[in-house]
Amino acid sequence: MKKIILGLTVLIAAASCQEQQKIGFIDNGEVSDAYQMKIDIEKKFETQNDAFTKRRDSIAQVYQMEMQSIQQRLGSMSPQKQQEESQVFSQKWQPIQQQMQMQQQQMEQMFRTEMDSVISQMNKFVESYGEKNGYTFILGKNQAGSVLYGKDVNDITDEVTDAINEEYNGKDATKEEATEEASTEE
């Protein structure tokens, strides 16, 4: 009987010595959507896209006006002259269309690159946050269903969102202070 009690005591002692694992999860979409860095980048690109759209639309209006003018003149020309005029018109506008398309592709690529940076920064932050706050695991909840269920007490989405924005805004404040100091010294 003593051996059984001693064995149970050893098992209980061993079980109580195991470290409690701290596990939390975040809703990746919520954190990402509320991350000020992402919001700032989206606002910057929205402004750029609006300017690009206005420029493209004004060029399209000029194109349409010239097209109408040429179409009116083509009716009174010989077939050979019509073809020549149409070719000249196409050659004039083709580089402009290519340039506009290239600019749009460059903007889209820059946007994707900056959004990739946002995801990378967010992942680094969550890793650092987990280490600082003693988490063994921080899981990501998303549409794919990597976390199908979790108790609300383990949902640290709001905490992480607040902390990542605080860090981001702190970096912005530090950059602004350095810029102000540099301009004051000049």
C-alpha atoms as a PDB file:
ATOM      1  CA  MET A   1       0.000   0.000   0.000  1.00  0.00           C
ATOM      2  CA  LYS A   2       2.878   2.349   0.797  1.00  0.00           C
ATOM      3  CA  LYS A   3       4.323   1.684  -2.649  1.00  0.00           C
ATOM      4  CA  ILE A   4       1.035   2.618  -4.306  1.00  0.00           C
ATOM      5  CA  ILE A   5       0.744   5.841  -2.309  1.00  0.00           C
ATOM      6  CA  LEU A   6       4.394   6.656  -2.983  1.00  0.00           C
ATOM      7  CA  GLY A   7       3.855   5.960  -6.716  1.00  0.00           C
ATOM      8  CA  LEU A   8       0.760   8.188  -6.827  1.00  0.00           C
ATOM      9  CA  THR A   9       2.618  10.935  -4.983  1.00  0.00           C
ATOM     10  CA  VAL A  10       5.473  10.783  -7.492  1.00  0.00           C
ATOM     11  CA  LEU A  11       3.005  10.896 -10.411  1.00  0.00           C
ATOM     12  CA  ILE A  12       1.138  13.851  -8.910  1.00  0.00           C
ATOM     13  CA  ALA A  13       4.404  15.668  -8.197  1.00  0.00           C
ATOM     14  CA  ALA A  14       5.630  15.011 -11.748  1.00  0.00           C
ATOM     15  CA  ALA A  15       2.354  16.182 -13.242  1.00  0.00           C
ATOM     16  CA  SER A  16       2.360  19.378 -11.174  1.00  0.00           C
ATOM     17  CA  CYS A  17       5.935  20.164 -12.251  1.00  0.00           C
ATOM     18  CA  GLN A  18       4.915  20.380 -15.894  1.00  0.00           C
ATOM     19  CA  GLU A  19       4.794  23.904 -17.204  1.00  0.00           C
ATOM     20  CA  GLN A  20       1.335  25.262 -18.014  1.00  0.00           C
ATOM     21  CA  GLN A  21       1.157  26.173 -21.685  1.00  0.00           C
ATOM     22  CA  LYS A  22      -0.273  29.574 -22.512  1.00  0.00           C
ATOM     23  CA  ILE A  23      -2.201  29.510 -25.787  1.00  0.00           C
ATOM     24  CA  GLY A  24      -4.037  32.334 -27.498  1.00  0.00           C
ATOM     25  CA  PHE A  25      -5.438  33.076 -30.907  1.00  0.00           C
ATOM     26  CA  ILE A  26      -6.024  36.118 -33.014  1.00  0.00           C
ATOM     27  CA  ASP A  27      -8.363  36.825 -35.894  1.00  0.00           C
ATOM     28  CA  ASN A  28      -5.793  37.598 -38.584  1.00  0.00           C
ATOM     29  CA  GLY A  29      -8.290  39.543 -40.677  1.00  0.00           C
ATOM     30  CA  GLU A  30      -9.364  41.786 -37.808  1.00  0.00           C
ATOM     31  CA  VAL A  31      -5.786  42.577 -36.790  1.00  0.00           C
ATOM     32  CA  SER A  32      -4.783  43.220 -40.383  1.00  0.00           C
ATOM     33  CA  ASP A  33      -7.816  45.410 -41.104  1.00  0.00           C
ATOM     34  CA  ALA A  34      -7.250  47.487 -37.968  1.00  0.00           C
ATOM     35  CA  TYR A  35      -3.452  47.742 -38.377  1.00  0.00           C
ATOM     36  CA  GLN A  36      -2.718  51.436 -38.867  1.00  0.00           C
ATOM     37  CA  MET A  37       0.237  50.693 -41.143  1.00  0.00           C
ATOM     38  CA  LYS A  38      -2.113  48.897 -43.572  1.00  0.00           C
ATOM     39  CA  ILE A  39      -4.686  51.685 -43.322  1.00  0.00           C
ATOM     40  CA  ASP A  40      -2.008  54.300 -44.089  1.00  0.00           C
ATOM     41  CA  ILE A  41      -0.715  52.348 -47.098  1.00  0.00           C
ATOM     42  CA  GLU A  42      -4.228  51.852 -48.462  1.00  0.00           C
ATOM     43  CA  LYS A  43      -4.935  55.574 -48.065  1.00  0.00           C
ATOM     44  CA  LYS A  44      -1.683  56.487 -49.845  1.00  0.00           C
ATOM     45  CA  PHE A  45      -2.423  54.175 -52.760  1.00  0.00           C
ATOM     46  CA  GLU A  46      -6.040  55.291 -52.930  1.00  0.00           C
ATOM     47  CA  THR A  47      -4.820  58.857 -53.371  1.00  0.00           C
ATOM     48  CA  GLN A  48      -2.342  57.758 -56.042  1.00  0.00           C
ATOM     49  CA  ASN A  49      -4.995  55.683 -57.788  1.00  0.00           C
ATOM     50  CA  ASP A  50      -7.448  58.600 -57.791  1.00  0.00           C
ATOM     51  CA  ALA A  51      -4.827  60.861 -59.398  1.00  0.00           C
ATOM     52  CA  PHE A  52      -3.988  58.166 -61.955  1.00  0.00           C
ATOM     53  CA  THR A  53      -7.675  57.634 -62.767  1.00  0.00           C
ATOM     54  CA  LYS A  54      -8.212  61.375 -63.343  1.00  0.00           C
ATOM     55  CA  ARG A  55      -5.160  61.544 -65.614  1.00  0.00           C
ATOM     56  CA  ARG A  56      -6.253  58.418 -67.528  1.00  0.00           C
ATOM     57  CA  ASP A  57      -9.811  59.738 -67.917  1.00  0.00           C
ATOM     58  CA  SER A  58      -8.616  63.095 -69.254  1.00  0.00           C
ATOM     59  CA  ILE A  59      -6.352  61.320 -71.758  1.00  0.00           C
ATOM     60  CA  ALA A  60      -9.281  59.089 -72.762  1.00  0.00           C
ATOM     61  CA  GLN A  61     -11.412  62.195 -73.417  1.00  0.00           C
ATOM     62  CA  VAL A  62      -8.730  63.672 -75.676  1.00  0.00           C
ATOM     63  CA  TYR A  63      -8.472  60.313 -77.441  1.00  0.00           C
ATOM     64  CA  GLN A  64     -12.234  60.174 -77.994  1.00  0.00           C
ATOM     65  CA  MET A  65     -12.338  63.729 -79.321  1.00  0.00           C
ATOM     66  CA  GLU A  66      -9.524  63.046 -81.780  1.00  0.00           C
ATOM     67  CA  MET A  67     -11.151  59.763 -82.795  1.00  0.00           C
ATOM     68  CA  GLN A  68     -14.415  61.544 -83.582  1.00  0.00           C
ATOM     69  CA  SER A  69     -12.605  64.230 -85.541  1.00  0.00           C
ATOM     70  CA  ILE A  70     -10.716  61.673 -87.615  1.00  0.00           C
ATOM     71  CA  GLN A  71     -13.851  59.621 -88.223  1.00  0.00           C
ATOM     72  CA  GLN A  72     -15.583  62.700 -89.622  1.00  0.00           C
ATOM     73  CA  ARG A  73     -12.664  63.442 -91.938  1.00  0.00           C
ATOM     74  CA  LEU A  74     -12.216  59.821 -93.056  1.00  0.00           C
ATOM     75  CA  GLY A  75     -15.566  59.840 -94.869  1.00  0.00           C
ATOM     76  CA  SER A  76     -14.275  62.319 -97.446  1.00  0.00           C
ATOM     77  CA  MET A  77     -10.966  60.503 -98.083  1.00  0.00           C
ATOM     78  CA  SER A  78      -9.921  57.786-100.470  1.00  0.00           C
ATOM     79  CA  PRO A  79      -9.595  54.269 -99.003  1.00  0.00           C
ATOM     80  CA  GLN A  80      -5.796  54.479 -99.149  1.00  0.00           C
ATOM     81  CA  LYS A  81      -5.756  57.855 -97.389  1.00  0.00           C
ATOM     82  CA  GLN A  82      -8.218  56.519 -94.772  1.00  0.00           C
ATOM     83  CA  GLN A  83      -5.871  53.652 -94.003  1.00  0.00           C
ATOM     84  CA  GLU A  84      -2.870  55.984 -93.742  1.00  0.00           C
ATOM     85  CA  GLU A  85      -4.702  58.357 -91.383  1.00  0.00           C
ATOM     86  CA  SER A  86      -5.934  55.461 -89.235  1.00  0.00           C
ATOM     87  CA  GLN A  87      -2.421  54.086 -88.996  1.00  0.00           C
ATOM     88  CA  VAL A  88      -0.967  57.471 -88.013  1.00  0.00           C
ATOM     89  CA  PHE A  89      -3.662  57.845 -85.354  1.00  0.00           C
ATOM     90  CA  SER A  90      -2.956  54.352 -83.947  1.00  0.00           C
ATOM     91  CA  GLN A  91       0.802  54.936 -83.905  1.00  0.00           C
ATOM     92  CA  LYS A  92       0.292  58.195 -82.053  1.00  0.00           C
ATOM     93  CA  TRP A  93      -1.852  56.669 -79.295  1.00  0.00           C
ATOM     94  CA  GLN A  94      -0.276  53.241 -78.886  1.00  0.00           C
ATOM     95  CA  PRO A  95       2.744  54.432 -76.803  1.00  0.00           C
ATOM     96  CA  ILE A  96       0.444  56.488 -74.595  1.00  0.00           C
ATOM     97  CA  GLN A  97      -1.798  53.487 -73.956  1.00  0.00           C
ATOM     98  CA  GLN A  98       1.234  51.310 -73.223  1.00  0.00           C
ATOM     99  CA  GLN A  99       2.623  53.890 -70.820  1.00  0.00           C
ATOM    100  CA  MET A 100      -0.684  54.132 -68.943  1.00  0.00           C
ATOM    101  CA  GLN A 101      -0.899  50.346 -68.704  1.00  0.00           C
ATOM    102  CA  MET A 102       2.701  50.148 -67.454  1.00  0.00           C
ATOM    103  CA  GLN A 103       2.051  52.814 -64.805  1.00  0.00           C
ATOM    104  CA  GLN A 104      -1.009  50.947 -63.573  1.00  0.00           C
ATOM    105  CA  GLN A 105       0.938  47.684 -63.347  1.00  0.00           C
ATOM    106  CA  GLN A 106       3.742  49.421 -61.441  1.00  0.00           C
ATOM    107  CA  MET A 107       1.269  50.881 -58.955  1.00  0.00           C
ATOM    108  CA  GLU A 108      -0.339  47.469 -58.437  1.00  0.00           C
ATOM    109  CA  GLN A 109       3.073  45.840 -57.914  1.00  0.00           C
ATOM    110  CA  MET A 110       4.130  48.511 -55.424  1.00  0.00           C
ATOM    111  CA  PHE A 111       0.854  48.051 -53.556  1.00  0.00           C
ATOM    112  CA  ARG A 112       1.315  44.260 -53.385  1.00  0.00           C
ATOM    113  CA  THR A 113       4.900  44.703 -52.184  1.00  0.00           C
ATOM    114  CA  GLU A 114       3.852  47.070 -49.408  1.00  0.00           C
ATOM    115  CA  MET A 115       0.957  44.799 -48.394  1.00  0.00           C
ATOM    116  CA  ASP A 116       3.411  41.881 -48.195  1.00  0.00           C
ATOM    117  CA  SER A 117       5.507  44.060 -45.908  1.00  0.00           C
ATOM    118  CA  VAL A 118       2.444  44.685 -43.717  1.00  0.00           C
ATOM    119  CA  ILE A 119       1.858  40.925 -43.350  1.00  0.00           C
ATOM    120  CA  SER A 120       5.536  40.359 -42.587  1.00  0.00           C
ATOM    121  CA  GLN A 121       5.571  43.138 -39.967  1.00  0.00           C
ATOM    122  CA  MET A 122       2.392  41.778 -38.420  1.00  0.00           C
ATOM    123  CA  ASN A 123       3.807  38.252 -38.202  1.00  0.00           C
ATOM    124  CA  LYS A 124       7.066  39.502 -36.640  1.00  0.00           C
ATOM    125  CA  PHE A 125       5.094  41.546 -34.153  1.00  0.00           C
ATOM    126  CA  VAL A 126       2.859  38.640 -33.126  1.00  0.00           C
ATOM    127  CA  GLU A 127       5.931  36.460 -32.637  1.00  0.00           C
ATOM    128  CA  SER A 128       7.577  39.114 -30.467  1.00  0.00           C
ATOM    129  CA  TYR A 129       4.318  39.722 -28.581  1.00  0.00           C
ATOM    130  CA  GLY A 130       4.013  36.006 -27.864  1.00  0.00           C
ATOM    131  CA  GLU A 131       7.553  35.797 -26.526  1.00  0.00           C
ATOM    132  CA  LYS A 132       7.184  38.908 -24.350  1.00  0.00           C
ATOM    133  CA  ASN A 133       3.882  37.748 -22.886  1.00  0.00           C
ATOM    134  CA  GLY A 134       4.781  34.120 -22.257  1.00  0.00           C
ATOM    135  CA  TYR A 135       2.671  32.429 -24.919  1.00  0.00           C
ATOM    136  CA  THR A 136       3.587  28.939 -26.028  1.00  0.00           C
ATOM    137  CA  PHE A 137       1.338  29.289 -29.087  1.00  0.00           C
ATOM    138  CA  ILE A 138      -0.561  32.077 -30.771  1.00  0.00           C
ATOM    139  CA  LEU A 139      -2.815  30.630 -33.422  1.00  0.00           C
ATOM    140  CA  GLY A 140      -4.337  32.495 -36.348  1.00  0.00           C
ATOM    141  CA  LYS A 141      -8.052  32.442 -36.995  1.00  0.00           C
ATOM    142  CA  ASN A 142      -9.019  33.031 -40.604  1.00  0.00           C
ATOM    143  CA  GLN A 143     -11.453  32.128 -43.361  1.00  0.00           C
ATOM    144  CA  ALA A 144      -9.573  28.886 -44.078  1.00  0.00           C
ATOM    145  CA  GLY A 145     -10.505  27.726 -40.589  1.00  0.00           C
ATOM    146  CA  SER A 146      -7.162  27.130 -38.875  1.00  0.00           C
ATOM    147  CA  VAL A 147      -8.984  27.841 -35.590  1.00  0.00           C
ATOM    148  CA  LEU A 148     -12.539  26.652 -35.783  1.00  0.00           C
ATOM    149  CA  TYR A 149     -13.305  27.288 -32.147  1.00  0.00           C
ATOM    150  CA  GLY A 150     -11.620  29.030 -29.272  1.00  0.00           C
ATOM    151  CA  LYS A 151     -12.820  30.305 -25.943  1.00  0.00           C
ATOM    152  CA  ASP A 152     -13.195  34.055 -25.865  1.00  0.00           C
ATOM    153  CA  VAL A 153     -10.764  34.206 -22.951  1.00  0.00           C
ATOM    154  CA  ASN A 154      -8.037  32.951 -25.328  1.00  0.00           C
ATOM    155  CA  ASP A 155      -8.902  35.472 -28.059  1.00  0.00           C
ATOM    156  CA  ILE A 156      -6.183  38.123 -27.882  1.00  0.00           C
ATOM    157  CA  THR A 157      -7.113  39.870 -31.138  1.00  0.00           C
ATOM    158  CA  ASP A 158      -7.931  43.209 -29.477  1.00  0.00           C
ATOM    159  CA  GLU A 159      -4.803  43.139 -27.290  1.00  0.00           C
ATOM    160  CA  VAL A 160      -2.551  42.428 -30.263  1.00  0.00           C
ATOM    161  CA  THR A 161      -4.306  45.036 -32.432  1.00  0.00           C
ATOM    162  CA  ASP A 162      -3.856  47.708 -29.755  1.00  0.00           C
ATOM    163  CA  ALA A 163      -0.226  46.743 -29.158  1.00  0.00           C
ATOM    164  CA  ILE A 164       0.768  46.621 -32.847  1.00  0.00           C
ATOM    165  CA  ASN A 165      -0.838  50.018 -33.513  1.00  0.00           C
ATOM    166  CA  GLU A 166       0.818  51.467 -30.432  1.00  0.00           C
ATOM    167  CA  GLU A 167       4.190  50.235 -31.685  1.00  0.00           C
ATOM    168  CA  TYR A 168       3.520  51.498 -35.224  1.00  0.00           C
ATOM    169  CA  ASN A 169       2.373  54.917 -34.003  1.00  0.00           C
ATOM    170  CA  GLY A 170       5.387  55.080 -31.703  1.00  0.00           C
ATOM    171  CA  LYS A 171       7.694  54.501 -34.662  1.00  0.00           C
ATOM    172  CA  ASP A 172       5.890  57.252 -36.591  1.00  0.00           C
ATOM    173  CA  ALA A 173       6.273  59.620 -33.642  1.00  0.00           C
ATOM    174  CA  THR A 174       9.991  58.790 -33.420  1.00  0.00           C
ATOM    175  CA  LYS A 175      10.435  59.447 -37.159  1.00  0.00           C
ATOM    176  CA  GLU A 176       8.564  62.754 -36.895  1.00  0.00           C
ATOM    177  CA  GLU A 177      10.644  63.836 -33.883  1.00  0.00           C
ATOM    178  CA  ALA A 178      13.881  63.003 -35.722  1.00  0.00           C
ATOM    179  CA  THR A 179      12.687  64.939 -38.781  1.00  0.00           C
ATOM    180  CA  GLU A 180      11.713  67.934 -36.641  1.00  0.00           C
ATOM    181  CA  GLU A 181      15.088  67.869 -34.821  1.00  0.00           C
ATOM    182  CA  ALA A 182      16.965  67.708 -38.124  1.00  0.00           C
ATOM    183  CA  SER A 183      15.036  70.663 -39.559  1.00  0.00           C
ATOM    184  CA  THR A 184      15.532  72.664 -36.333  1.00  0.00           C
ATOM    185  CA  GLU A 185      19.309  72.125 -36.413  1.00  0.00           C
ATOM    186  CA  GLU A 186      19.516  73.492 -39.962  1.00  0.00           C
END
